[in-house]
Amino acid sequence: MKKLAIFLVLMVFVFSGSAYADFKGPGAPGPDSAASAKKAQHGTLITLEGHIVQQLGHERYLFRDGTDQVRVAIPNRYWQGQEVTPKTKIRISGAIVRDVSGVEIEVWVLDVVAE
C-alpha cells in the first residue's frame, strides 16, 4: 500500500509540472528576448526573433533583437539553403548553453520571417 501511495504522489508531481511546458507565446514562462536569454538557466528552451549581425567563427554568430545581443551556434544543416543578411529578420529556436565562455544559444531551427 505504501508503494502505491508513493507512486501516486510521484505521478502527481510529474504530470502537474508539464501541463504548461509546451506553450510558447504571450504569458508563457521562459525567456523571450536576447536580454532575458542571458539570465536564463542552462538548458532552457527559447525562441527569438531578430537578426544575425555578424559571423564570429565557424557556425558561430552574433544575434540581435530589440533588447540585446547574444552569441548563437547554428550548425550548417539548419540553414537549409536560406540566404540571410543582417537585414533579414529570422526566428531561431534552441536551448541556452552556459559555459566558461558565457551564454550561447544552440540553435535547432532557423526560419526566415516574412516582413
N, C-alpha and C. Protein backbone atom coordinates (compact mmCIF):
# COMPACT_ATOMS: atom_id res chain seq x y z
N MET A 1 0.82 -1.19 0.00
CA MET A 1 0.00 0.00 0.00
C MET A 1 0.87 1.27 0.00
N LYS A 2 1.97 1.22 0.76
CA LYS A 2 2.87 2.37 0.82
C LYS A 2 3.47 2.66 -0.56
N LYS A 3 3.83 1.60 -1.27
CA LYS A 3 4.42 1.79 -2.59
C LYS A 3 3.43 2.43 -3.55
N LEU A 4 2.17 2.04 -3.46
CA LEU A 4 1.15 2.64 -4.32
C LEU A 4 0.97 4.13 -3.99
N ALA A 5 0.97 4.45 -2.72
CA ALA A 5 0.82 5.85 -2.31
C ALA A 5 2.00 6.69 -2.80
N ILE A 6 3.21 6.16 -2.67
CA ILE A 6 4.40 6.88 -3.13
C ILE A 6 4.34 7.06 -4.64
N PHE A 7 3.96 6.00 -5.35
CA PHE A 7 3.83 6.07 -6.80
C PHE A 7 2.83 7.14 -7.22
N LEU A 8 1.68 7.19 -6.57
CA LEU A 8 0.66 8.18 -6.92
C LEU A 8 1.13 9.60 -6.65
N VAL A 9 1.83 9.81 -5.54
CA VAL A 9 2.36 11.14 -5.23
C VAL A 9 3.38 11.55 -6.29
N LEU A 10 4.26 10.65 -6.68
CA LEU A 10 5.25 10.96 -7.71
C LEU A 10 4.58 11.28 -9.04
N MET A 11 3.55 10.56 -9.39
CA MET A 11 2.86 10.81 -10.65
C MET A 11 2.20 12.19 -10.65
N VAL A 12 1.67 12.61 -9.52
CA VAL A 12 1.07 13.94 -9.42
C VAL A 12 2.12 15.00 -9.69
N PHE A 13 3.32 14.85 -9.12
CA PHE A 13 4.39 15.82 -9.35
C PHE A 13 4.86 15.81 -10.80
N VAL A 14 4.99 14.64 -11.38
CA VAL A 14 5.47 14.53 -12.75
C VAL A 14 4.51 15.18 -13.73
N PHE A 15 3.22 14.89 -13.60
CA PHE A 15 2.26 15.38 -14.58
C PHE A 15 1.76 16.79 -14.29
N SER A 16 1.83 17.25 -13.08
CA SER A 16 1.36 18.60 -12.80
C SER A 16 2.31 19.66 -13.35
N GLY A 17 3.61 19.39 -13.38
CA GLY A 17 4.58 20.36 -13.87
C GLY A 17 4.64 20.47 -15.38
N SER A 18 4.16 19.48 -16.10
CA SER A 18 4.30 19.51 -17.55
C SER A 18 3.07 20.04 -18.26
N ALA A 19 2.08 20.48 -17.55
CA ALA A 19 0.84 20.93 -18.18
C ALA A 19 1.04 22.15 -19.07
N TYR A 20 1.96 23.04 -18.71
CA TYR A 20 2.16 24.27 -19.46
C TYR A 20 3.49 24.29 -20.22
N ALA A 21 4.21 23.19 -20.23
CA ALA A 21 5.58 23.17 -20.75
C ALA A 21 5.66 23.40 -22.26
N ASP A 22 4.64 23.10 -23.02
CA ASP A 22 4.74 23.17 -24.46
C ASP A 22 4.22 24.47 -25.08
N PHE A 23 3.56 25.31 -24.34
CA PHE A 23 3.01 26.55 -24.89
C PHE A 23 4.09 27.60 -25.02
N LYS A 24 4.19 28.20 -26.20
CA LYS A 24 5.09 29.32 -26.44
C LYS A 24 4.26 30.49 -26.95
N GLY A 25 4.31 31.60 -26.27
CA GLY A 25 3.55 32.76 -26.69
C GLY A 25 3.32 33.68 -25.52
N PRO A 26 2.43 34.67 -25.69
CA PRO A 26 2.17 35.62 -24.60
C PRO A 26 1.74 34.92 -23.33
N GLY A 27 2.36 35.27 -22.25
CA GLY A 27 2.02 34.70 -20.95
C GLY A 27 2.77 33.43 -20.62
N ALA A 28 3.50 32.85 -21.57
CA ALA A 28 4.23 31.62 -21.32
C ALA A 28 5.48 31.93 -20.50
N PRO A 29 5.84 31.04 -19.59
CA PRO A 29 7.06 31.27 -18.81
C PRO A 29 8.29 31.05 -19.68
N GLY A 30 9.38 31.67 -19.30
CA GLY A 30 10.62 31.46 -20.02
C GLY A 30 11.09 32.71 -20.72
N PRO A 31 12.35 32.70 -21.17
CA PRO A 31 12.91 33.87 -21.82
C PRO A 31 12.28 34.14 -23.19
N ASP A 32 12.11 35.42 -23.51
CA ASP A 32 11.51 35.79 -24.79
C ASP A 32 12.30 36.89 -25.49
N SER A 33 13.53 37.12 -25.04
CA SER A 33 14.38 38.14 -25.64
C SER A 33 15.84 37.77 -25.42
N ALA A 34 16.72 38.42 -26.18
CA ALA A 34 18.15 38.19 -26.02
C ALA A 34 18.60 38.59 -24.61
N ALA A 35 18.03 39.67 -24.10
CA ALA A 35 18.39 40.12 -22.75
C ALA A 35 18.00 39.09 -21.70
N SER A 36 16.80 38.53 -21.80
CA SER A 36 16.38 37.53 -20.82
C SER A 36 17.08 36.20 -21.05
N ALA A 37 17.52 35.92 -22.28
CA ALA A 37 18.27 34.69 -22.55
C ALA A 37 19.58 34.68 -21.77
N LYS A 38 20.20 35.83 -21.62
CA LYS A 38 21.47 35.91 -20.89
C LYS A 38 21.32 35.59 -19.40
N LYS A 39 20.09 35.67 -18.89
CA LYS A 39 19.84 35.39 -17.48
C LYS A 39 19.25 34.00 -17.25
N ALA A 40 18.90 33.31 -18.34
CA ALA A 40 18.22 32.02 -18.24
C ALA A 40 19.20 30.91 -17.84
N GLN A 41 18.63 29.85 -17.31
CA GLN A 41 19.43 28.71 -16.88
C GLN A 41 19.86 27.85 -18.07
N HIS A 42 20.94 27.14 -17.89
CA HIS A 42 21.45 26.19 -18.89
C HIS A 42 20.35 25.19 -19.24
N GLY A 43 20.15 24.98 -20.52
CA GLY A 43 19.16 24.01 -20.97
C GLY A 43 17.77 24.57 -21.20
N THR A 44 17.55 25.83 -20.87
CA THR A 44 16.24 26.44 -21.07
C THR A 44 15.94 26.56 -22.56
N LEU A 45 14.74 26.14 -22.96
CA LEU A 45 14.34 26.25 -24.36
C LEU A 45 13.92 27.68 -24.66
N ILE A 46 14.21 28.13 -25.89
CA ILE A 46 13.96 29.53 -26.23
C ILE A 46 13.65 29.67 -27.71
N THR A 47 12.79 30.63 -28.04
CA THR A 47 12.52 31.04 -29.41
C THR A 47 12.60 32.55 -29.46
N LEU A 48 13.40 33.07 -30.40
CA LEU A 48 13.60 34.51 -30.52
C LEU A 48 13.44 34.95 -31.98
N GLU A 49 13.07 36.20 -32.16
CA GLU A 49 13.06 36.82 -33.49
C GLU A 49 14.00 38.00 -33.47
N GLY A 50 14.78 38.12 -34.55
CA GLY A 50 15.72 39.22 -34.64
C GLY A 50 16.60 39.05 -35.87
N HIS A 51 17.87 39.46 -35.75
CA HIS A 51 18.78 39.48 -36.90
C HIS A 51 20.15 38.92 -36.51
N ILE A 52 20.75 38.21 -37.44
CA ILE A 52 22.16 37.84 -37.29
C ILE A 52 22.95 39.01 -37.84
N VAL A 53 23.80 39.58 -37.00
CA VAL A 53 24.51 40.79 -37.41
C VAL A 53 25.98 40.56 -37.72
N GLN A 54 26.52 39.40 -37.30
CA GLN A 54 27.95 39.18 -37.52
C GLN A 54 28.27 37.69 -37.39
N GLN A 55 29.20 37.21 -38.21
CA GLN A 55 29.72 35.86 -38.05
C GLN A 55 30.94 35.96 -37.15
N LEU A 56 30.98 35.14 -36.10
CA LEU A 56 32.07 35.18 -35.13
C LEU A 56 33.11 34.10 -35.39
N GLY A 57 32.73 33.08 -36.10
CA GLY A 57 33.62 31.95 -36.38
C GLY A 57 32.82 30.86 -37.07
N HIS A 58 33.39 29.67 -37.13
CA HIS A 58 32.72 28.55 -37.78
C HIS A 58 31.44 28.20 -37.02
N GLU A 59 30.31 28.39 -37.68
CA GLU A 59 28.98 28.10 -37.13
C GLU A 59 28.64 28.92 -35.87
N ARG A 60 29.33 30.03 -35.67
CA ARG A 60 29.07 30.91 -34.52
C ARG A 60 28.75 32.30 -35.04
N TYR A 61 27.67 32.90 -34.48
CA TYR A 61 27.17 34.19 -34.97
C TYR A 61 26.75 35.06 -33.80
N LEU A 62 26.59 36.34 -34.08
CA LEU A 62 26.05 37.28 -33.11
C LEU A 62 24.62 37.60 -33.53
N PHE A 63 23.67 37.32 -32.65
CA PHE A 63 22.25 37.53 -32.90
C PHE A 63 21.79 38.73 -32.10
N ARG A 64 20.97 39.59 -32.71
CA ARG A 64 20.49 40.78 -32.02
C ARG A 64 18.98 40.91 -32.21
N ASP A 65 18.29 41.22 -31.10
CA ASP A 65 16.88 41.61 -31.20
C ASP A 65 16.79 43.03 -30.65
N GLY A 66 15.63 43.50 -30.33
CA GLY A 66 15.48 44.87 -29.85
C GLY A 66 15.98 45.11 -28.44
N THR A 67 16.39 44.03 -27.73
CA THR A 67 16.75 44.18 -26.32
C THR A 67 18.25 44.07 -26.05
N ASP A 68 18.94 43.22 -26.81
CA ASP A 68 20.36 42.95 -26.55
C ASP A 68 20.89 42.07 -27.68
N GLN A 69 22.10 41.59 -27.51
CA GLN A 69 22.66 40.64 -28.46
C GLN A 69 23.21 39.44 -27.69
N VAL A 70 23.26 38.29 -28.37
CA VAL A 70 23.71 37.05 -27.74
C VAL A 70 24.38 36.19 -28.81
N ARG A 71 25.38 35.42 -28.41
CA ARG A 71 26.04 34.51 -29.33
C ARG A 71 25.12 33.33 -29.62
N VAL A 72 25.14 32.86 -30.86
CA VAL A 72 24.36 31.69 -31.25
C VAL A 72 25.24 30.73 -32.02
N ALA A 73 24.99 29.45 -31.86
CA ALA A 73 25.67 28.40 -32.63
C ALA A 73 24.64 27.79 -33.56
N ILE A 74 24.88 27.90 -34.86
CA ILE A 74 23.94 27.38 -35.85
C ILE A 74 24.68 26.41 -36.76
N PRO A 75 24.51 25.10 -36.54
CA PRO A 75 25.15 24.13 -37.44
C PRO A 75 24.68 24.34 -38.87
N ASN A 76 25.56 24.09 -39.81
CA ASN A 76 25.27 24.33 -41.23
C ASN A 76 23.99 23.66 -41.70
N ARG A 77 23.67 22.49 -41.19
CA ARG A 77 22.48 21.76 -41.67
C ARG A 77 21.18 22.50 -41.39
N TYR A 78 21.16 23.44 -40.45
CA TYR A 78 19.93 24.16 -40.11
C TYR A 78 19.67 25.38 -40.99
N TRP A 79 20.63 25.76 -41.81
CA TRP A 79 20.42 26.89 -42.72
C TRP A 79 19.48 26.50 -43.85
N GLN A 80 19.50 25.27 -44.28
CA GLN A 80 18.62 24.73 -45.31
C GLN A 80 18.57 25.60 -46.57
N GLY A 81 19.72 26.13 -46.96
CA GLY A 81 19.79 26.91 -48.20
C GLY A 81 19.19 28.31 -48.10
N GLN A 82 18.79 28.74 -46.92
CA GLN A 82 18.20 30.07 -46.76
C GLN A 82 19.30 31.13 -46.77
N GLU A 83 19.09 32.20 -47.54
CA GLU A 83 20.04 33.31 -47.57
C GLU A 83 19.63 34.32 -46.51
N VAL A 84 20.59 34.66 -45.65
CA VAL A 84 20.32 35.57 -44.54
C VAL A 84 21.39 36.66 -44.53
N THR A 85 20.95 37.90 -44.44
CA THR A 85 21.84 39.05 -44.30
C THR A 85 21.51 39.73 -42.97
N PRO A 86 22.30 40.72 -42.55
CA PRO A 86 21.97 41.43 -41.31
C PRO A 86 20.60 42.12 -41.34
N LYS A 87 20.04 42.34 -42.51
CA LYS A 87 18.72 42.97 -42.62
C LYS A 87 17.57 41.96 -42.63
N THR A 88 17.90 40.67 -42.73
CA THR A 88 16.88 39.62 -42.80
C THR A 88 16.39 39.28 -41.40
N LYS A 89 15.08 39.40 -41.17
CA LYS A 89 14.52 39.03 -39.87
C LYS A 89 14.35 37.51 -39.84
N ILE A 90 14.84 36.90 -38.76
CA ILE A 90 14.75 35.45 -38.62
C ILE A 90 14.14 35.07 -37.28
N ARG A 91 13.71 33.83 -37.21
CA ARG A 91 13.23 33.25 -35.94
C ARG A 91 14.12 32.04 -35.66
N ILE A 92 14.69 31.99 -34.45
CA ILE A 92 15.52 30.86 -34.06
C ILE A 92 14.91 30.18 -32.85
N SER A 93 15.07 28.87 -32.79
CA SER A 93 14.64 28.10 -31.63
C SER A 93 15.79 27.18 -31.24
N GLY A 94 15.97 27.03 -29.95
CA GLY A 94 17.06 26.18 -29.46
C GLY A 94 17.08 26.15 -27.96
N ALA A 95 18.28 26.01 -27.40
CA ALA A 95 18.44 25.90 -25.96
C ALA A 95 19.62 26.76 -25.50
N ILE A 96 19.51 27.26 -24.28
CA ILE A 96 20.56 28.05 -23.66
C ILE A 96 21.70 27.12 -23.25
N VAL A 97 22.93 27.53 -23.60
CA VAL A 97 24.12 26.80 -23.18
C VAL A 97 24.98 27.77 -22.38
N ARG A 98 25.28 27.40 -21.14
CA ARG A 98 26.16 28.20 -20.29
C ARG A 98 27.45 27.43 -20.07
N ASP A 99 28.58 28.10 -20.30
CA ASP A 99 29.87 27.50 -20.01
C ASP A 99 30.83 28.61 -19.58
N VAL A 100 32.11 28.29 -19.50
CA VAL A 100 33.08 29.27 -19.01
C VAL A 100 33.19 30.50 -19.92
N SER A 101 32.82 30.35 -21.19
CA SER A 101 32.92 31.50 -22.10
C SER A 101 31.66 32.36 -22.11
N GLY A 102 30.64 31.99 -21.34
CA GLY A 102 29.43 32.80 -21.24
C GLY A 102 28.19 32.05 -21.69
N VAL A 103 27.24 32.82 -22.22
CA VAL A 103 25.94 32.28 -22.64
C VAL A 103 25.90 32.21 -24.16
N GLU A 104 25.35 31.13 -24.66
CA GLU A 104 25.17 30.94 -26.09
C GLU A 104 23.86 30.19 -26.31
N ILE A 105 23.25 30.39 -27.45
CA ILE A 105 22.05 29.62 -27.81
C ILE A 105 22.45 28.60 -28.86
N GLU A 106 22.21 27.33 -28.55
CA GLU A 106 22.42 26.25 -29.51
C GLU A 106 21.14 26.16 -30.34
N VAL A 107 21.22 26.58 -31.60
CA VAL A 107 20.04 26.69 -32.46
C VAL A 107 19.74 25.36 -33.13
N TRP A 108 18.45 24.98 -33.11
CA TRP A 108 17.97 23.75 -33.76
C TRP A 108 17.06 24.06 -34.93
N VAL A 109 16.46 25.26 -34.94
CA VAL A 109 15.55 25.66 -36.02
C VAL A 109 15.85 27.11 -36.37
N LEU A 110 15.96 27.39 -37.68
CA LEU A 110 16.15 28.75 -38.17
C LEU A 110 15.18 28.96 -39.30
N ASP A 111 14.32 29.98 -39.19
CA ASP A 111 13.35 30.30 -40.23
C ASP A 111 13.43 31.79 -40.56
N VAL A 112 13.34 32.11 -41.84
CA VAL A 112 13.25 33.50 -42.27
C VAL A 112 11.81 33.95 -42.04
N VAL A 113 11.65 35.11 -41.41
CA VAL A 113 10.33 35.65 -41.10
C VAL A 113 9.95 36.64 -42.20
N ALA A 114 8.79 36.43 -42.80
CA ALA A 114 8.31 37.37 -43.82
C ALA A 114 7.90 38.67 -43.14
N GLU A 115 8.35 39.77 -43.70
CA GLU A 115 8.03 41.07 -43.09
C GLU A 115 6.95 41.77 -43.85
